[in-house]
Protein backbone atom coordinates (compact mmCIF):
# COMPACT_ATOMS: atom_id res chain seq x y z
CA UNK A 1 63.45 75.31 124.04
CA UNK A 2 66.36 76.07 126.47
CA UNK A 3 66.02 73.22 129.21
CA UNK A 4 69.39 73.84 130.78
CA UNK A 5 71.85 76.97 130.73
CA UNK A 6 73.92 75.05 128.47
CA UNK A 7 71.45 72.83 126.53
CA UNK A 8 68.62 73.68 123.98
CA UNK A 9 66.36 71.20 122.47
CA UNK A 10 65.14 71.77 118.53
CA UNK A 11 61.66 72.19 118.06
CA UNK A 12 61.24 68.89 116.49
CA UNK A 13 61.43 67.47 120.05
CA UNK A 14 57.74 67.94 120.26
CA UNK A 15 57.59 64.73 118.01
CA UNK A 16 60.46 62.87 119.45
CA UNK A 17 60.28 59.94 122.02
CA UNK A 18 62.01 60.68 125.43
CA UNK A 19 62.36 59.05 128.82
CA UNK A 20 62.56 60.69 132.10
CA UNK A 21 63.85 58.49 134.90
CA UNK A 22 64.87 58.99 138.60
CA UNK A 23 64.23 57.97 142.06
CA UNK A 24 61.53 59.31 143.95
CA UNK A 25 61.97 63.05 144.82
CA UNK A 26 64.83 63.30 142.00
CA UNK A 27 62.91 65.59 140.01
CA UNK A 28 61.83 63.45 137.11
CA UNK A 29 58.14 65.10 137.07
CA UNK A 30 59.65 68.51 137.49
CA UNK A 31 61.81 68.11 134.56
CA UNK A 32 58.70 66.72 132.66
CA UNK A 33 56.34 69.63 133.67
CA UNK A 34 59.26 71.97 132.79
CA UNK A 35 59.62 70.52 129.12
CA UNK A 36 55.91 70.78 128.91
CA UNK A 37 56.24 74.49 129.52
CA UNK A 38 58.75 74.88 127.05
CA UNK A 39 56.61 73.33 124.35
CA UNK A 40 53.58 75.30 125.30
CA UNK A 41 55.53 78.53 124.83
CA UNK A 42 56.63 77.48 121.67
CA UNK A 43 52.95 76.90 120.64
CA UNK A 44 52.96 73.08 120.38
CA UNK A 45 49.99 70.83 121.61
CA UNK A 46 50.60 69.35 124.72
CA UNK A 47 48.38 66.43 126.53
CA UNK A 48 49.59 64.68 129.82
CA UNK A 49 48.43 61.39 131.35
CA UNK A 50 48.33 61.99 135.08
CA UNK A 51 47.44 59.23 137.12
CA UNK A 52 49.23 60.94 140.38
CA UNK A 53 47.34 64.45 140.30
CA UNK A 54 50.27 66.68 140.27
CA UNK A 55 50.35 68.36 136.61
CA UNK A 56 47.68 70.64 137.37
CA UNK A 57 50.32 73.05 138.76
CA UNK A 58 51.07 73.97 135.03
CA UNK A 59 47.86 76.11 135.03
CA UNK A 60 49.37 78.17 138.12
CA UNK A 61 52.45 80.44 138.29
CA UNK A 62 55.58 79.20 140.54
CA UNK A 63 54.30 81.76 143.32
CA UNK A 64 51.01 79.75 143.54
CA UNK A 65 48.81 82.83 142.76
CA UNK A 66 49.57 84.25 139.45
CA UNK A 67 48.61 82.94 136.18
CA UNK A 68 50.30 79.77 134.60
CA UNK A 69 50.00 78.08 131.14
CA UNK A 70 46.49 78.17 129.17
CA UNK A 71 46.17 74.20 129.29
CA UNK A 72 42.86 72.57 130.44
CA UNK A 73 42.82 70.44 133.65
CA UNK A 74 40.35 67.38 132.98
CA UNK A 75 39.11 65.53 136.18
CA UNK A 76 41.04 65.31 139.49
CA UNK A 77 40.56 67.85 142.52
CA UNK A 78 41.67 70.98 140.37
CA UNK A 79 39.89 70.08 137.17
CA UNK A 80 37.77 72.63 135.06
CA UNK A 81 35.38 69.56 134.31
CA UNK A 82 35.12 66.35 135.88
CA UNK A 83 35.58 63.21 133.75
CA UNK A 84 34.29 59.75 133.81
CA UNK A 85 36.05 56.17 133.31
CA UNK A 86 34.02 55.85 130.07
CA UNK A 87 34.92 59.20 128.44
CA UNK A 88 38.23 58.30 127.06
CA UNK A 89 37.28 57.93 123.50
CA UNK A 90 34.93 61.35 123.54
CA UNK A 91 37.93 63.27 125.17
CA UNK A 92 40.37 62.07 122.40
CA UNK A 93 38.03 63.11 119.68
CA UNK A 94 37.63 66.70 121.54
CA UNK A 95 41.64 66.99 121.98
CA UNK A 96 42.02 66.32 118.24
CA UNK A 97 39.28 68.02 116.60
CA UNK A 98 39.58 71.09 118.80
CA UNK A 99 43.53 70.96 118.92
CA UNK A 100 43.25 71.80 122.60
CA UNK A 101 46.11 71.15 125.24
CA UNK A 102 44.90 69.17 128.40
CA UNK A 103 46.03 67.60 131.45
CA UNK A 104 44.07 64.21 131.98
CA UNK A 105 43.66 63.58 135.84
CA UNK A 106 42.78 60.33 136.59
CA UNK A 107 44.23 60.05 140.08
CA UNK A 108 40.66 59.64 141.63
CA UNK A 109 40.00 56.59 139.17
CA UNK A 110 39.90 53.00 140.58
CA UNK A 111 42.44 50.73 139.11
CA UNK A 112 40.10 48.91 136.65
CA UNK A 113 38.58 52.39 135.56
CA UNK A 114 42.03 53.87 135.11
CA UNK A 115 43.07 51.00 132.75
CA UNK A 116 39.69 51.09 130.83
CA UNK A 117 40.03 55.08 130.56
CA UNK A 118 43.80 54.62 129.35
CA UNK A 119 43.40 52.22 126.36
CA UNK A 120 39.98 53.59 125.11
CA UNK A 121 41.65 57.07 125.23
CA UNK A 122 44.94 55.69 123.62
CA UNK A 123 43.30 53.60 120.79
CA UNK A 124 41.09 56.62 119.74
CA UNK A 125 43.90 59.33 119.91
CA UNK A 126 46.09 57.04 117.22
CA UNK A 127 42.94 56.41 115.15
CA UNK A 128 42.09 59.98 114.86
CA UNK A 129 45.53 61.27 114.25
CA UNK A 130 46.05 59.07 111.24
CA UNK A 131 43.39 61.21 109.76
CA UNK A 132 44.20 64.40 111.14
CA UNK A 133 48.18 64.87 111.43
CA UNK A 134 49.63 67.37 113.48
CA UNK A 135 52.46 67.55 115.99
CA UNK A 136 51.38 66.84 119.36
CA UNK A 137 53.54 65.62 122.57
CA UNK A 138 52.04 63.27 124.94
CA UNK A 139 53.45 63.09 128.51
CA UNK A 140 52.97 59.70 130.11
CA UNK A 141 53.41 60.06 133.96
CA UNK A 142 54.18 56.84 135.96
CA UNK A 143 54.59 54.97 132.44
CA UNK A 144 55.01 51.82 134.19
CA UNK A 145 51.17 51.58 134.90
CA UNK A 146 50.24 51.91 131.47
CA UNK A 147 52.98 50.04 129.53
CA UNK A 148 54.02 47.49 132.21
CA UNK A 149 56.65 44.86 131.58
CA UNK A 150 54.27 42.17 132.77
CA UNK A 151 51.27 42.21 131.18
CA UNK A 152 48.17 40.99 132.95
CA UNK A 153 45.11 39.40 131.37
CA UNK A 154 43.34 42.66 131.63
CA UNK A 155 46.13 45.00 130.32
CA UNK A 156 47.05 43.49 126.92
CA UNK A 157 44.92 45.91 125.14
CA UNK A 158 46.08 49.07 127.04
CA UNK A 159 49.77 48.16 126.73
CA UNK A 160 49.25 47.20 122.83
CA UNK A 161 47.54 50.83 122.39
CA UNK A 162 50.50 52.78 124.05
CA UNK A 163 53.00 50.64 122.51
CA UNK A 164 51.74 51.60 118.88
CA UNK A 165 51.51 55.25 119.87
CA UNK A 166 55.13 54.98 120.98
CA UNK A 167 56.25 52.85 117.63
CA UNK A 168 54.07 54.31 115.20
CA UNK A 169 52.57 57.83 116.46
CA UNK A 170 55.79 59.93 115.12
CA UNK A 171 54.24 59.08 111.60
CA UNK A 172 51.02 60.98 112.53
CA UNK A 173 52.84 63.66 114.68
CA UNK A 174 52.91 62.29 118.21
CA UNK A 175 55.90 62.37 120.38
CA UNK A 176 55.83 61.00 123.87
CA UNK A 177 57.78 61.27 127.04
CA UNK A 178 57.95 58.54 129.62
CA UNK A 179 57.96 59.38 133.04
CA UNK A 180 58.85 56.74 135.60
CA UNK A 181 60.91 55.77 138.50
CA UNK A 182 60.88 52.02 137.74
CA UNK A 183 62.29 51.57 134.25
CA UNK A 184 62.77 47.82 134.84
CA UNK A 185 58.91 47.75 135.07
CA UNK A 186 58.44 49.50 132.08
CA UNK A 187 57.91 47.38 128.94
CA UNK A 188 60.97 46.91 127.04
CA UNK A 189 59.49 47.13 123.79
CA UNK A 190 58.26 50.72 124.60
CA UNK A 191 61.41 51.70 126.48
CA UNK A 192 63.64 50.63 123.59
CA UNK A 193 62.01 53.38 121.17
CA UNK A 194 63.22 56.27 123.39
CA UNK A 195 65.49 58.58 121.23
CA UNK A 196 66.64 61.00 124.03
CA UNK A 197 67.05 59.81 127.79
CA UNK A 198 66.95 61.89 130.75
CA UNK A 199 68.54 60.30 133.95
CA UNK A 200 68.45 61.96 137.14
CA UNK A 201 69.81 60.24 140.57
CA UNK A 202 69.05 56.54 140.72
CA UNK A 203 70.30 54.63 143.88
CA UNK A 204 68.30 51.25 143.33
CA UNK A 205 70.17 48.30 141.92
CA UNK A 206 67.23 47.22 139.74
CA UNK A 207 66.68 50.28 138.14
CA UNK A 208 70.53 50.67 137.44
CA UNK A 209 70.60 47.02 135.90
CA UNK A 210 67.43 48.26 133.64
CA UNK A 211 69.21 51.40 132.56
CA UNK A 212 72.39 49.46 131.92
CA UNK A 213 70.56 47.00 129.33
CA UNK A 214 69.09 50.19 127.64
CA UNK A 215 72.83 51.53 127.18
CA UNK A 216 73.70 48.05 125.85
CA UNK A 217 70.71 48.19 123.30
CA UNK A 218 71.87 51.60 122.39
CA UNK A 219 75.18 50.02 121.32
CA UNK A 220 77.13 52.30 123.53
CA UNK A 221 79.99 52.09 126.13
CA UNK A 222 79.21 54.33 128.52
CA UNK A 223 79.78 54.52 132.33
CA UNK A 224 76.49 56.34 132.74
CA UNK A 225 75.22 53.66 135.45
CA UNK A 226 78.02 54.01 137.93
CA UNK A 227 77.85 57.93 137.86
CA UNK A 228 73.98 58.09 138.73
CA UNK A 229 74.01 57.65 142.72
CA UNK A 230 76.47 60.98 143.08
CA UNK A 231 73.92 63.31 141.05
CA UNK A 232 72.16 66.26 142.94
CA UNK A 233 68.35 66.77 142.92
CA UNK A 234 67.54 68.49 139.65
CA UNK A 235 70.79 67.26 138.03
CA UNK A 236 71.23 64.63 135.33
CA UNK A 237 72.72 63.24 132.40
CA UNK A 238 71.12 63.67 128.62
CA UNK A 239 71.88 61.15 126.16
CA UNK A 240 70.90 60.88 122.63
CA UNK A 241 73.09 58.69 120.71
CA UNK A 242 71.46 58.99 117.38
CA UNK A 243 69.13 61.87 117.00
CA UNK A 244 71.10 64.93 119.26
CA UNK A 245 74.39 62.76 119.56
CA UNK A 246 75.20 64.15 122.76
CA UNK A 247 75.89 62.48 126.13
CA UNK A 248 75.86 65.52 128.58
CA UNK A 249 75.86 66.25 132.54
CA UNK A 250 73.49 69.23 133.22
CA UNK A 251 71.74 71.22 135.85
CA UNK A 252 67.97 71.60 134.38
CA UNK A 253 66.13 74.79 134.23
CA UNK A 254 63.78 75.99 136.82
CA UNK A 255 60.05 75.85 135.83
CA UNK A 256 57.81 78.84 135.46
CA UNK A 257 54.61 77.29 137.03
CA UNK A 258 53.57 75.98 140.14
CA UNK A 259 55.53 73.07 141.42
CA UNK A 260 52.39 70.68 142.49
CA UNK A 261 54.72 67.59 142.95
CA UNK A 262 56.84 68.73 145.73
CA UNK A 263 56.75 66.81 148.65
CA UNK A 264 55.55 68.61 151.88
CA UNK A 265 58.13 69.21 154.69
CA UNK A 266 57.21 68.62 158.23
CA UNK A 267 56.49 71.99 159.88
CA UNK A 268 56.20 73.82 156.40
CA UNK A 269 52.90 75.63 155.70
CA UNK A 270 51.56 74.18 152.34
CA UNK A 271 51.85 76.90 149.66
CA UNK A 272 48.28 78.06 148.65
CA UNK A 273 47.92 77.74 144.67
CA UNK A 274 44.68 79.36 142.71
CA UNK A 275 43.89 78.11 139.11
CA UNK A 276 44.05 80.54 136.63
CA UNK A 277 41.10 81.45 134.67
CA UNK A 278 40.51 79.69 131.29
CA UNK A 279 37.26 79.87 129.10
CA UNK A 280 35.81 76.56 129.69
CA UNK A 281 32.48 77.43 128.25
CA UNK A 282 32.88 75.41 125.04
CA UNK A 283 34.23 72.83 126.64
CA UNK A 284 31.44 72.45 129.13
CA UNK A 285 29.10 72.29 126.33
CA UNK A 286 30.68 69.56 124.61
CA UNK A 287 31.10 67.64 127.67
CA UNK A 288 27.88 68.30 129.42
CA UNK A 289 26.32 64.82 129.14
CA UNK A 290 29.62 63.46 130.87
CA UNK A 291 30.09 66.22 133.25
CA UNK A 292 26.48 65.31 134.63
CA UNK A 293 27.07 61.66 134.69
CA UNK A 294 30.27 62.27 136.56
CA UNK A 295 28.65 64.61 139.14
CA UNK A 296 25.84 61.80 139.70
CA UNK A 297 28.41 59.35 140.48
CA UNK A 298 30.94 61.48 142.37
CA UNK A 299 30.34 60.90 146.44
CA UNK A 300 31.38 64.52 146.91
CA UNK A 301 28.48 65.61 145.21
CA UNK A 302 26.22 63.09 146.58
CA UNK A 303 27.16 64.35 150.33
CA UNK A 304 26.32 67.86 149.07
CA UNK A 305 23.05 67.29 147.96
CA UNK A 306 22.35 64.84 151.00
CA UNK A 307 23.43 67.83 153.15
CA UNK A 308 21.12 70.13 151.47
CA UNK A 309 18.10 67.87 151.62
CA UNK A 310 18.61 67.18 155.20
CA UNK A 311 18.73 70.92 155.67
CA UNK A 312 15.45 71.29 153.91
CA UNK A 313 14.04 68.47 156.06
CA UNK A 314 15.04 70.26 159.07
CA UNK A 315 13.40 73.41 158.15
CA UNK A 316 10.27 71.91 157.20
CA UNK A 317 9.98 70.25 160.39
CA UNK A 318 10.54 73.38 162.20
CA UNK A 319 8.21 75.49 160.15
CA UNK A 320 4.65 75.70 161.61
CA UNK A 321 2.14 73.96 160.01
CA UNK A 322 -0.11 75.83 157.53
CA UNK A 323 -3.74 76.30 158.07
CA UNK A 324 -5.60 75.38 155.08
CA UNK A 325 -8.98 76.95 154.58
CA UNK A 326 -12.15 75.10 153.26
CA UNK A 327 -12.03 76.71 149.92
CA UNK A 328 -8.36 75.37 149.75
CA UNK A 329 -9.49 71.97 150.47
CA UNK A 330 -12.24 72.01 148.04
CA UNK A 331 -9.91 73.11 145.24
CA UNK A 332 -7.56 70.23 146.39
CA UNK A 333 -10.05 67.73 146.24
CA UNK A 334 -11.09 68.88 142.81
CA UNK A 335 -7.56 68.85 141.73
CA UNK A 336 -7.11 65.10 143.03
CA UNK A 337 -10.31 64.26 141.32
CA UNK A 338 -9.52 65.62 138.19
CA UNK A 339 -5.93 63.60 138.23
CA UNK A 340 -7.61 60.24 139.38
CA UNK A 341 -10.08 60.67 136.68
CA UNK A 342 -6.99 61.37 134.17
CA UNK A 343 -5.14 58.11 135.59
CA UNK A 344 -8.65 56.32 135.19
CA UNK A 345 -9.14 57.19 131.52
CA UNK A 346 -5.52 56.42 130.98
CA UNK A 347 -5.70 52.84 132.30
CA UNK A 348 -8.90 52.16 130.51
CA UNK A 349 -7.56 53.26 127.39
CA UNK A 350 -4.32 51.05 127.67
CA UNK A 351 -6.55 48.08 128.78
CA UNK A 352 -8.94 48.81 125.81
CA UNK A 353 -5.64 48.48 123.51
CA UNK A 354 -4.50 45.29 125.29
CA UNK A 355 -7.93 43.75 124.57
CA UNK A 356 -8.11 45.18 120.90
CA UNK A 357 -4.74 43.61 120.34
CA UNK A 358 -6.00 40.23 121.90
CA UNK A 359 -9.13 40.58 119.66
CA UNK A 360 -7.00 41.14 116.50
CA UNK A 361 -5.03 38.11 117.08
CA UNK A 362 -8.11 35.95 117.65
CA UNK A 363 -9.73 37.42 114.35
CA UNK A 364 -6.60 36.95 112.65
CA UNK A 365 -6.20 33.38 113.58
CA UNK A 366 -9.90 32.33 112.88
CA UNK A 367 -10.10 34.49 109.78
CA UNK A 368 -13.32 35.83 108.21
CA UNK A 369 -14.62 32.58 106.73
CA UNK A 370 -14.05 30.73 110.37
CA UNK A 371 -16.35 33.50 111.75
CA UNK A 372 -18.83 33.80 109.16
CA UNK A 373 -19.57 30.06 108.40
CA UNK A 374 -21.47 27.88 110.60
CA UNK A 375 -19.40 26.09 113.07
CA UNK A 376 -19.49 22.23 113.47
CA UNK A 377 -21.09 21.38 116.65
CA UNK A 378 -21.71 18.08 118.46
CA UNK A 379 -25.35 17.34 119.41
CA UNK A 380 -27.05 19.62 122.20
CA UNK A 381 -24.51 22.58 121.11
CA UNK A 382 -25.79 25.48 119.25
CA UNK A 383 -24.30 27.32 116.31
CA UNK A 384 -23.11 31.25 116.49
CA UNK A 385 -26.41 33.20 116.26
CA UNK A 386 -27.02 35.34 113.15
CA UNK A 387 -27.00 38.78 115.14
CA UNK A 388 -23.38 37.52 116.61
CA UNK A 389 -22.02 36.79 113.10
CA UNK A 390 -23.22 39.97 111.42
CA UNK A 391 -21.68 41.88 114.33
CA UNK A 392 -18.25 40.38 113.78
CA UNK A 393 -18.67 40.81 110.20
CA UNK A 394 -17.03 44.27 109.71
CA UNK A 395 -13.92 43.23 112.10
CA UNK A 396 -13.57 40.00 109.94
CA UNK A 397 -13.53 41.77 106.77
CA UNK A 398 -10.93 44.09 107.85
CA UNK A 399 -8.93 41.28 108.78
CA UNK A 400 -9.18 39.54 105.55
CA UNK A 401 -8.48 42.93 103.61
CA UNK A 402 -5.09 43.24 105.27
CA UNK A 403 -4.48 39.57 104.73
CA UNK A 404 -5.41 39.78 101.06
CA UNK A 405 -3.47 42.92 100.52
CA UNK A 406 -0.26 43.29 102.40
CA UNK A 407 0.83 46.26 100.68
CA UNK A 408 -2.34 48.02 102.37
CA UNK A 409 -0.94 47.17 105.99
CA UNK A 410 0.70 50.59 106.60
CA UNK A 411 -2.89 51.62 107.20
CA UNK A 412 -2.27 50.29 110.59
CA UNK A 413 0.96 52.46 111.58
CA UNK A 414 -0.96 54.91 113.43
CA UNK A 415 -2.48 51.95 115.74
CA UNK A 416 0.93 50.37 116.57
CA UNK A 417 1.45 53.47 119.20
CA UNK A 418 4.43 52.24 121.67
CA UNK A 419 2.87 48.62 122.00
CA UNK A 420 4.99 45.64 122.04
CA UNK A 421 4.38 44.67 118.59
CA UNK A 422 5.82 48.15 117.39
CA UNK A 423 8.89 47.37 119.52
CA UNK A 424 9.01 43.74 117.68
CA UNK A 425 9.02 45.27 114.35
CA UNK A 426 11.62 48.00 115.40
CA UNK A 427 13.67 44.88 116.59
CA UNK A 428 13.39 43.24 113.01
CA UNK A 429 14.20 46.60 111.35
CA UNK A 430 17.44 46.81 113.19
CA UNK A 431 18.68 43.21 113.00
CA UNK A 432 16.45 41.23 110.24
CA UNK A 433 16.11 37.34 110.66
CA UNK A 434 15.86 36.95 114.21
CA UNK A 435 14.73 33.95 115.90
CA UNK A 436 11.68 34.09 118.07
CA UNK A 437 13.58 33.97 121.25
CA UNK A 438 16.01 36.91 120.01
CA UNK A 439 12.83 38.78 119.04
CA UNK A 440 11.22 38.46 122.26
CA UNK A 441 14.22 39.57 124.13
CA UNK A 442 15.03 42.30 121.81
CA UNK A 443 11.58 43.62 121.97
CA UNK A 444 11.27 43.08 126.09
CA UNK A 445 8.50 40.30 125.76
CA UNK A 446 8.56 36.42 126.55
CA UNK A 447 8.61 34.59 123.65
CA UNK A 448 6.73 31.83 125.37
CA UNK A 449 3.91 34.33 126.38
CA UNK A 450 0.46 34.65 124.80
CA UNK A 451 0.87 38.19 124.37
CA UNK A 452 3.80 37.55 122.16
CA UNK A 453 2.20 35.04 120.17
CA UNK A 454 -0.69 37.38 119.70
CA UNK A 455 1.44 40.05 118.22
CA UNK A 456 3.09 37.79 115.95
CA UNK A 457 -0.35 36.28 114.53
CA UNK A 458 -1.26 40.05 114.29
CA UNK A 459 1.99 40.69 112.32
CA UNK A 460 1.63 37.94 110.11
CA UNK A 461 -2.12 38.43 109.24
CA UNK A 462 -1.25 41.94 108.57
CA UNK A 463 1.70 41.14 106.17
CA UNK A 464 4.17 42.55 108.23
CA UNK A 465 6.62 39.72 108.94
CA UNK A 466 7.01 36.29 107.16
CA UNK A 467 9.37 33.31 107.87
CA UNK A 468 9.24 30.63 110.58
CA UNK A 469 10.14 31.09 114.50
CA UNK A 470 13.74 29.88 113.46
CA UNK A 471 13.93 32.99 111.42
CA UNK A 472 11.48 35.88 111.33
CA UNK A 473 11.94 38.44 108.89
CA UNK A 474 10.21 41.93 108.42
CA UNK A 475 8.56 42.90 104.98
CA UNK A 476 8.56 46.17 103.25
CA UNK A 477 4.96 46.70 104.55
CA UNK A 478 6.25 46.03 107.97
CA UNK A 479 8.90 48.86 107.65
CA UNK A 480 6.46 51.24 106.19
CA UNK A 481 3.97 50.35 109.17
CA UNK A 482 6.70 51.64 111.92
CA UNK A 483 7.63 54.55 109.75
CA UNK A 484 10.99 56.07 110.96
CA UNK A 485 13.15 54.73 113.73
CA UNK A 486 16.87 54.50 114.95
CA UNK A 487 19.14 52.13 113.23
CA UNK A 488 21.53 50.32 115.74
CA UNK A 489 24.59 52.06 116.07
CA UNK A 490 28.08 50.42 115.05
CA UNK A 491 31.51 49.57 116.70
CA UNK A 492 32.22 51.08 120.31
CA UNK A 493 28.87 52.90 120.00
CA UNK A 494 26.87 49.52 119.74
CA UNK A 495 28.82 48.48 122.76
CA UNK A 496 27.87 51.69 124.55
CA UNK A 497 24.13 51.18 123.65
CA UNK A 498 23.89 47.50 124.64
CA UNK A 499 25.49 48.59 128.15
CA UNK A 500 22.83 51.10 128.44
CA UNK A 501 20.10 48.84 127.49
CA UNK A 502 21.32 46.20 130.14
CA UNK A 503 21.75 48.75 132.75
CA UNK A 504 23.11 47.80 135.99
CA UNK A 505 22.47 44.07 135.91
CA UNK A 506 24.93 41.29 136.08
CA UNK A 507 24.77 41.04 132.59
CA UNK A 508 26.19 44.16 132.05
CA UNK A 509 28.89 43.62 134.43
CA UNK A 510 29.86 40.47 132.36
CA UNK A 511 29.82 42.10 129.04
CA UNK A 512 31.97 45.17 130.31
CA UNK A 513 34.53 42.73 131.80
CA UNK A 514 34.54 40.81 128.54
CA UNK A 515 34.85 44.20 126.66
CA UNK A 516 37.75 45.39 128.60
CA UNK A 517 39.76 41.85 127.90
CA UNK A 518 38.77 41.68 124.16
CA UNK A 519 40.20 40.11 122.21
CA UNK A 520 41.89 37.78 124.71
CA UNK A 521 39.35 35.06 125.89
CA UNK A 522 38.19 34.54 129.35
CA UNK A 523 36.93 31.44 131.11
CA UNK A 524 33.75 31.35 132.87
CA UNK A 525 35.46 31.26 136.10
CA UNK A 526 37.17 34.40 135.76
CA UNK A 527 34.31 36.09 134.15
CA UNK A 528 32.09 35.25 137.20
CA UNK A 529 34.88 36.40 139.73
CA UNK A 530 35.26 39.85 137.69
CA UNK A 531 31.63 40.42 137.61
CA UNK A 532 31.11 39.16 141.18
CA UNK A 533 29.04 36.38 140.15
CA UNK A 534 29.15 32.64 140.98
CA UNK A 535 29.99 30.92 137.51
CA UNK A 536 28.09 28.00 138.91
CA UNK A 537 25.03 29.82 139.78
CA UNK A 538 21.85 29.76 137.68
CA UNK A 539 21.79 33.52 137.71
CA UNK A 540 25.31 33.40 135.88
CA UNK A 541 23.92 31.05 133.61
CA UNK A 542 20.52 33.16 132.73
CA UNK A 543 22.58 36.18 132.16
CA UNK A 544 25.21 34.32 129.82
CA UNK A 545 22.39 32.86 128.06
CA UNK A 546 20.99 36.23 127.49
CA UNK A 547 24.09 37.73 126.14
CA UNK A 548 24.55 34.78 123.65
CA UNK A 549 20.87 35.48 122.69
CA UNK A 550 21.65 39.18 122.00
CA UNK A 551 24.70 37.95 120.12
CA UNK A 552 27.11 39.82 122.36
CA UNK A 553 28.95 36.96 123.51
CA UNK A 554 30.80 34.03 121.59
CA UNK A 555 32.71 31.05 122.63
CA UNK A 556 32.47 28.24 125.12
CA UNK A 557 32.51 28.76 128.95
CA UNK A 558 36.40 28.22 128.73
CA UNK A 559 36.79 30.46 125.88
CA UNK A 560 34.18 33.48 126.17
CA UNK A 561 34.70 36.55 124.20
CA UNK A 562 32.82 39.50 123.38
CA UNK A 563 31.38 39.91 119.91
CA UNK A 564 33.98 41.18 117.64
CA UNK A 565 30.92 43.32 116.20
CA UNK A 566 31.33 45.52 118.94
CA UNK A 567 34.78 46.58 118.00
């Protein structure tokens, strides 16, 4: 792969670790994208993490009009498809399983969104490559953002993920290029893994000092640092003490694709660039759900939708009011009455089901003998009339039948419908051995309510559950009663499941913060600040209690962590 008139890299460069360092405007991104071109021409898989939004130029020819390289651009203003902050693992799977080349343009993400995307993507990528080993090169633009020297409390997992890729990735076919203008801000554990260093013009004293440290770490005695300020644009040193065993000053080759990283000059018209057509039908199909979510949350899409709706509203206001004949009025009335009748019957049916569940609970609690035998009464009170006892007899016998023969309780499966009782049984089937409070929360019911007690009584009398309120367990008859159900997912999917269940609540924000910081502990004060809640408020305590009951959070208020089961 020829990168200068007098220097070519061997093909195994794809799995090596490079560093591209230079001041702003010296051409480090130009050099990195030129290397990406050479690797793409050689048929290698290339992936770029782009927090700036310049790498899309690989898709366009140098003239800004002709076809560039066949590489997907995901996210950003020029993307084939939009991406969301939570899509990191899914994109990693797509890239590894489909073996595609991609630019991950995350320039539109907020800081916390970028960090989440980066660490989830990096973790999933390395995990998948352990099973599917093949040559891939990962370009990390502005590497100090992903592998900083000073690691914040919310960055440890991200830094660890990228360090593992840089240190161990070559074993699974992953090579890396770290692009940065601030080598002193890049984590030294990562920077010291560089096998080949490209150094362009560097003038800052801090940057030169950091490079001097790398030189000494490599065990060489070079006057590299003193020569760097005199380098011209696109000119630099290539130094590989162990791999290539060269130390050379070169003029790097020109790119074949559009230089999207070029700084606009005053008075110069911006060169228009059009993206080449790449078949993205399969990609859009694989990411359909993610695309719709990203569009739904994209302010530009929302503004477009608002503009369309406002236009339709103006047209509606300007249009003359339609005339309605008596015949049409009668049709509308009949249709409205029919709809009202349907709603009425639905409401009556729902009320009937609720009443039936209460009656079932009462019958189950009193029992056949309690209803059929005379009740002890005080003076002046009457016993239950004979005709009422006979009317109650069939229902009481049915209750006794279930209580006496639990194996037959599946006969009631059809009557569960979508009731709270069915939700309770499904919750126990998903996680057996819950307390009453845990069961109520998972089933969306208050464990202190009469409805919950009624359902619990009915389940006991039907032989569907057993145990005390401190540990309620579902029986085989109970599993048969609910039939098929979805089990709880595991790992990261379980985290996504609970975030979906919690919706947009403060509890969801708290869980998301703890998940981003896992496995590092967080105090209640820090958690409240990050989740935009007062740690001393009753609301915060309620949300925290809910997360504890759902077994999603562990630790004391000074040492809170997301449950390890989520990871």
